[in-house]
PDB file of N, CA and C in Angstrom:
ATOM      1  N   MET A   1     139.678 111.969  76.437  1.00  0.00           N
ATOM      2  CA  MET A   1     138.509 111.615  75.648  1.00  0.00           C
ATOM      3  C   MET A   1     137.805 110.419  76.280  1.00  0.00           C
ATOM      4  N   ASP A   2     136.498 110.537  76.440  1.00  0.00           N
ATOM      5  CA  ASP A   2     135.717 109.462  77.043  1.00  0.00           C
ATOM      6  C   ASP A   2     134.699 108.943  76.034  1.00  0.00           C
ATOM      7  N   GLU A   3     135.220 108.434  74.923  1.00  0.00           N
ATOM      8  CA  GLU A   3     134.335 107.937  73.862  1.00  0.00           C
ATOM      9  C   GLU A   3     134.017 106.469  74.083  1.00  0.00           C
ATOM     10  N   LYS A   4     132.729 106.134  73.985  1.00  0.00           N
ATOM     11  CA  LYS A   4     132.323 104.728  74.112  1.00  0.00           C
ATOM     12  C   LYS A   4     132.462 104.046  72.767  1.00  0.00           C
ATOM     13  N   LYS A   5     132.927 102.806  72.822  1.00  0.00           N
ATOM     14  CA  LYS A   5     132.971 102.019  71.593  1.00  0.00           C
ATOM     15  C   LYS A   5     131.563 101.513  71.311  1.00  0.00           C
ATOM     16  N   PRO A   6     131.193 101.388  70.054  1.00  0.00           N
ATOM     17  CA  PRO A   6     129.849 100.871  69.744  1.00  0.00           C
ATOM     18  C   PRO A   6     129.700  99.431  70.243  1.00  0.00           C
ATOM     19  N   ASP A   7     128.502  99.115  70.718  1.00  0.00           N
ATOM     20  CA  ASP A   7     128.212  97.765  71.189  1.00  0.00           C
ATOM     21  C   ASP A   7     128.049  96.868  69.974  1.00  0.00           C
ATOM     22  N   ARG A   8     128.900  95.872  69.868  1.00  0.00           N
ATOM     23  CA  ARG A   8     128.893  95.003  68.684  1.00  0.00           C
ATOM     24  C   ARG A   8     127.765  93.989  68.725  1.00  0.00           C
ATOM     25  N   SER A   9     127.005  93.902  69.842  1.00  0.00           N
ATOM     26  CA  SER A   9     125.901  92.943  69.887  1.00  0.00           C
ATOM     27  C   SER A   9     124.619  93.500  69.287  1.00  0.00           C
ATOM     28  N   TRP A  10     124.639  94.739  68.879  1.00  0.00           N
ATOM     29  CA  TRP A  10     123.438  95.354  68.299  1.00  0.00           C
ATOM     30  C   TRP A  10     123.770  95.885  66.941  1.00  0.00           C
ATOM     31  N   PRO A  11     122.870  95.867  65.980  1.00  0.00           N
ATOM     32  CA  PRO A  11     121.511  95.339  66.023  1.00  0.00           C
ATOM     33  C   PRO A  11     121.514  93.819  66.242  1.00  0.00           C
ATOM     34  N   ALA A  12     120.381  93.326  66.749  1.00  0.00           N
ATOM     35  CA  ALA A  12     120.274  91.911  67.081  1.00  0.00           C
ATOM     36  C   ALA A  12     118.902  91.361  66.711  1.00  0.00           C
ATOM     37  N   TRP A  13     118.874  90.089  66.397  1.00  0.00           N
ATOM     38  CA  TRP A  13     117.623  89.377  66.119  1.00  0.00           C
ATOM     39  C   TRP A  13     116.974  89.017  67.445  1.00  0.00           C
ATOM     40  N   PHE A  14     115.653  89.167  67.527  1.00  0.00           N
ATOM     41  CA  PHE A  14     114.888  88.712  68.688  1.00  0.00           C
ATOM     42  C   PHE A  14     113.642  88.004  68.191  1.00  0.00           C
ATOM     43  N   TYR A  15     113.116  87.139  69.035  1.00  0.00           N
ATOM     44  CA  TYR A  15     112.000  86.269  68.660  1.00  0.00           C
ATOM     45  C   TYR A  15     110.846  86.460  69.631  1.00  0.00           C
ATOM     46  N   GLY A  16     109.633  86.563  69.062  1.00  0.00           N
ATOM     47  CA  GLY A  16     108.444  86.753  69.871  1.00  0.00           C
ATOM     48  C   GLY A  16     107.818  85.440  70.268  1.00  0.00           C
ATOM     49  N   PRO A  17     106.938  85.477  71.268  1.00  0.00           N
ATOM     50  CA  PRO A  17     106.327  84.254  71.771  1.00  0.00           C
ATOM     51  C   PRO A  17     105.371  83.581  70.787  1.00  0.00           C
ATOM     52  N   LYS A  18     104.952  84.288  69.764  1.00  0.00           N
ATOM     53  CA  LYS A  18     104.022  83.713  68.785  1.00  0.00           C
ATOM     54  C   LYS A  18     104.718  83.450  67.446  1.00  0.00           C
ATOM     55  N   GLY A  19     106.036  83.317  67.488  1.00  0.00           N
ATOM     56  CA  GLY A  19     106.791  83.019  66.276  1.00  0.00           C
ATOM     57  C   GLY A  19     107.255  84.239  65.506  1.00  0.00           C
ATOM     58  N   GLU A  20     107.041  85.431  66.060  1.00  0.00           N
ATOM     59  CA  GLU A  20     107.481  86.633  65.372  1.00  0.00           C
ATOM     60  C   GLU A  20     109.008  86.726  65.406  1.00  0.00           C
ATOM     61  N   VAL A  21     109.562  87.474  64.454  1.00  0.00           N
ATOM     62  CA  VAL A  21     111.003  87.692  64.397  1.00  0.00           C
ATOM     63  C   VAL A  21     111.220  89.165  64.085  1.00  0.00           C
ATOM     64  N   GLY A  22     112.202  89.754  64.743  1.00  0.00           N
ATOM     65  CA  GLY A  22     112.491  91.151  64.469  1.00  0.00           C
ATOM     66  C   GLY A  22     113.948  91.479  64.732  1.00  0.00           C
ATOM     67  N   ILE A  23     114.419  92.525  64.099  1.00  0.00           N
ATOM     68  CA  ILE A  23     115.772  93.024  64.323  1.00  0.00           C
ATOM     69  C   ILE A  23     115.626  94.353  65.061  1.00  0.00           C
ATOM     70  N   PHE A  24     116.347  94.484  66.158  1.00  0.00           N
ATOM     71  CA  PHE A  24     116.248  95.676  66.986  1.00  0.00           C
ATOM     72  C   PHE A  24     117.625  96.298  67.162  1.00  0.00           C
ATOM     73  N   ASP A  25     117.642  97.643  67.248  1.00  0.00           N
ATOM     74  CA  ASP A  25     118.893  98.378  67.369  1.00  0.00           C
ATOM     75  C   ASP A  25     119.385  98.518  68.801  1.00  0.00           C
ATOM     76  N   ARG A  26     118.459  98.472  69.763  1.00  0.00           N
ATOM     77  CA  ARG A  26     118.826  98.641  71.176  1.00  0.00           C
ATOM     78  C   ARG A  26     117.971  97.737  72.041  1.00  0.00           C
ATOM     79  N   LYS A  27     118.489  97.387  73.215  1.00  0.00           N
ATOM     80  CA  LYS A  27     117.749  96.536  74.136  1.00  0.00           C
ATOM     81  C   LYS A  27     116.414  97.180  74.510  1.00  0.00           C
ATOM     82  N   GLU A  28     116.393  98.478  74.617  1.00  0.00           N
ATOM     83  CA  GLU A  28     115.183  99.199  74.991  1.00  0.00           C
ATOM     84  C   GLU A  28     114.075  99.070  73.952  1.00  0.00           C
ATOM     85  N   ASP A  29     114.424  98.721  72.715  1.00  0.00           N
ATOM     86  CA  ASP A  29     113.444  98.599  71.634  1.00  0.00           C
ATOM     87  C   ASP A  29     112.762  97.222  71.583  1.00  0.00           C
ATOM     88  N   VAL A  30     113.337  96.239  72.286  1.00  0.00           N
ATOM     89  CA  VAL A  30     112.816  94.868  72.242  1.00  0.00           C
ATOM     90  C   VAL A  30     111.534  94.789  73.073  1.00  0.00           C
ATOM     91  N   PRO A  31     110.418  94.312  72.492  1.00  0.00           N
ATOM     92  CA  PRO A  31     109.170  94.202  73.237  1.00  0.00           C
ATOM     93  C   PRO A  31     109.291  93.221  74.417  1.00  0.00           C
ATOM     94  N   LYS A  32     108.538  93.498  75.453  1.00  0.00           N
ATOM     95  CA  LYS A  32     108.523  92.620  76.623  1.00  0.00           C
ATOM     96  C   LYS A  32     108.032  91.232  76.199  1.00  0.00           C
ATOM     97  N   GLY A  33     108.682  90.203  76.706  1.00  0.00           N
ATOM     98  CA  GLY A  33     108.283  88.843  76.379  1.00  0.00           C
ATOM     99  C   GLY A  33     109.051  88.243  75.210  1.00  0.00           C
ATOM    100  N   TRP A  34     109.861  89.031  74.528  1.00  0.00           N
ATOM    101  CA  TRP A  34     110.654  88.523  73.420  1.00  0.00           C
ATOM    102  C   TRP A  34     111.977  87.987  73.958  1.00  0.00           C
ATOM    103  N   ALA A  35     112.612  87.051  73.221  1.00  0.00           N
ATOM    104  CA  ALA A  35     113.862  86.438  73.650  1.00  0.00           C
ATOM    105  C   ALA A  35     114.875  86.459  72.513  1.00  0.00           C
ATOM    106  N   ASP A  36     116.135  86.269  72.884  1.00  0.00           N
ATOM    107  CA  ASP A  36     117.193  86.278  71.877  1.00  0.00           C
ATOM    108  C   ASP A  36     117.380  84.937  71.182  1.00  0.00           C
ATOM    109  N   SER A  37     116.535  83.964  71.523  1.00  0.00           N
ATOM    110  CA  SER A  37     116.597  82.654  70.876  1.00  0.00           C
ATOM    111  C   SER A  37     115.200  82.032  70.848  1.00  0.00           C
ATOM    112  N   PRO A  38     114.793  81.454  69.724  1.00  0.00           N
ATOM    113  CA  PRO A  38     113.478  80.812  69.683  1.00  0.00           C
ATOM    114  C   PRO A  38     113.418  79.588  70.592  1.00  0.00           C
ATOM    115  N   ALA A  39     114.563  79.017  70.935  1.00  0.00           N
ATOM    116  CA  ALA A  39     114.602  77.839  71.807  1.00  0.00           C
ATOM    117  C   ALA A  39     114.190  78.178  73.239  1.00  0.00           C
ATOM    118  N   LYS A  40     114.143  79.443  73.573  1.00  0.00           N
ATOM    119  CA  LYS A  40     113.774  79.847  74.932  1.00  0.00           C
ATOM    120  C   LYS A  40     112.270  79.770  75.167  1.00  0.00           C
ATOM    121  N   PHE A  41     111.502  79.518  74.123  1.00  0.00           N
ATOM    122  CA  PHE A  41     110.059  79.363  74.275  1.00  0.00           C
ATOM    123  C   PHE A  41     109.757  77.874  74.339  1.00  0.00           C
ATOM    124  N   LYS A  42     109.003  77.477  75.346  1.00  0.00           N
ATOM    125  CA  LYS A  42     108.645  76.064  75.486  1.00  0.00           C
ATOM    126  C   LYS A  42     107.649  75.708  74.397  1.00  0.00           C
ATOM    127  N   ALA A  43     107.889  74.579  73.767  1.00  0.00           N
ATOM    128  CA  ALA A  43     106.959  74.102  72.741  1.00  0.00           C
ATOM    129  C   ALA A  43     105.705  73.572  73.426  1.00  0.00           C
ATOM    130  N   LYS A  44     104.565  74.000  72.938  1.00  0.00           N
ATOM    131  CA  LYS A  44     103.298  73.528  73.485  1.00  0.00           C
ATOM    132  C   LYS A  44     102.892  72.271  72.726  1.00  0.00           C
ATOM    133  N   PRO A  45     102.437  71.244  73.428  1.00  0.00           N
ATOM    134  CA  PRO A  45     102.012  70.033  72.720  1.00  0.00           C
ATOM    135  C   PRO A  45     100.802  70.323  71.834  1.00  0.00           C
ATOM    136  N   ALA A  46     100.771  69.682  70.706  1.00  0.00           N
ATOM    137  CA  ALA A  46      99.646  69.866  69.786  1.00  0.00           C
ATOM    138  C   ALA A  46      98.390  69.252  70.396  1.00  0.00           C
ATOM    139  N   PRO A  47      97.252  69.880  70.174  1.00  0.00           N
ATOM    140  CA  PRO A  47      96.015  69.300  70.703  1.00  0.00           C
ATOM    141  C   PRO A  47      95.742  67.940  70.061  1.00  0.00           C
ATOM    142  N   ALA A  48      95.137  67.069  70.828  1.00  0.00           N
ATOM    143  CA  ALA A  48      94.844  65.724  70.310  1.00  0.00           C
ATOM    144  C   ALA A  48      93.815  65.823  69.189  1.00  0.00           C
ATOM    145  N   ASP A  49      94.030  65.059  68.152  1.00  0.00           N
ATOM    146  CA  ASP A  49      93.104  65.012  67.023  1.00  0.00           C
ATOM    147  C   ASP A  49      92.024  63.993  67.373  1.00  0.00           C
ATOM    148  N   PRO A  50      90.773  64.419  67.509  1.00  0.00           N
ATOM    149  CA  PRO A  50      89.722  63.484  67.921  1.00  0.00           C
ATOM    150  C   PRO A  50      89.548  62.318  66.953  1.00  0.00           C
ATOM    151  N   ASP A  51      89.876  62.501  65.691  1.00  0.00           N
ATOM    152  CA  ASP A  51      89.754  61.411  64.714  1.00  0.00           C
ATOM    153  C   ASP A  51      90.828  60.341  64.925  1.00  0.00           C
ATOM    154  N   GLN A  52      91.914  60.695  65.580  1.00  0.00           N
ATOM    155  CA  GLN A  52      93.015  59.756  65.779  1.00  0.00           C
ATOM    156  C   GLN A  52      93.009  59.115  67.168  1.00  0.00           C
ATOM    157  N   THR A  53      92.095  59.523  68.041  1.00  0.00           N
ATOM    158  CA  THR A  53      92.097  59.000  69.405  1.00  0.00           C
ATOM    159  C   THR A  53      91.270  57.729  69.545  1.00  0.00           C
ATOM    160  N   SER A  54      90.395  57.444  68.608  1.00  0.00           N
ATOM    161  CA  SER A  54      89.587  56.224  68.706  1.00  0.00           C
ATOM    162  C   SER A  54      90.406  55.035  68.198  1.00  0.00           C
ATOM    163  N   ALA A  55      89.968  53.846  68.529  1.00  0.00           N
ATOM    164  CA  ALA A  55      90.655  52.627  68.097  1.00  0.00           C
ATOM    165  C   ALA A  55      90.580  52.516  66.582  1.00  0.00           C
ATOM    166  N   PRO A  56      91.610  51.968  65.986  1.00  0.00           N
ATOM    167  CA  PRO A  56      91.579  51.817  64.524  1.00  0.00           C
ATOM    168  C   PRO A  56      90.512  50.809  64.102  1.00  0.00           C
ATOM    169  N   ALA A  57      90.038  50.994  62.895  1.00  0.00           N
ATOM    170  CA  ALA A  57      89.012  50.089  62.355  1.00  0.00           C
ATOM    171  C   ALA A  57      89.603  48.704  62.155  1.00  0.00           C
ATOM    172  N   ASP A  58      88.769  47.690  62.292  1.00  0.00           N
ATOM    173  CA  ASP A  58      89.183  46.309  62.088  1.00  0.00           C
ATOM    174  C   ASP A  58      89.410  46.110  60.583  1.00  0.00           C
ATOM    175  N   PRO A  59      90.633  45.733  60.178  1.00  0.00           N
ATOM    176  CA  PRO A  59      90.903  45.603  58.749  1.00  0.00           C
ATOM    177  C   PRO A  59      90.093  44.484  58.077  1.00  0.00           C
ATOM    178  N   THR A  60      89.547  43.573  58.865  1.00  0.00           N
ATOM    179  CA  THR A  60      88.755  42.490  58.263  1.00  0.00           C
ATOM    180  C   THR A  60      87.318  42.934  57.981  1.00  0.00           C
ATOM    181  N   GLY A  61      86.960  44.097  58.494  1.00  0.00           N
ATOM    182  CA  GLY A  61      85.613  44.613  58.270  1.00  0.00           C
ATOM    183  C   GLY A  61      84.601  44.121  59.298  1.00  0.00           C
ATOM    184  N   ASN A  62      85.038  43.351  60.279  1.00  0.00           N
ATOM    185  CA  ASN A  62      84.116  42.872  61.316  1.00  0.00           C
ATOM    186  C   ASN A  62      83.668  44.023  62.214  1.00  0.00           C
ATOM    187  N   GLN A  63      82.421  44.019  62.546  1.00  0.00           N
ATOM    188  CA  GLN A  63      81.853  45.046  63.439  1.00  0.00           C
ATOM    189  C   GLN A  63      81.898  44.512  64.864  1.00  0.00           C
ATOM    190  N   PRO A  64      82.140  45.345  65.870  1.00  0.00           N
ATOM    191  CA  PRO A  64      82.137  44.848  67.249  1.00  0.00           C
ATOM    192  C   PRO A  64      80.747  44.481  67.720  1.00  0.00           C
TER     193      PRO A  64
END
């Protein structure tokens, strides 16, 4: 008898590059670009907030 044992790693959770999450039954079902851990995606720095990039206002109310 040449019976294969079921692969215990499937079904498995996978994570998409845009924060998606899915459970897949086989490796062939996982979309390209998805990973088995969300940590495998590099965090992109948040864009600078233009309101926070200028110098803070003078608390005494003096104008430059």
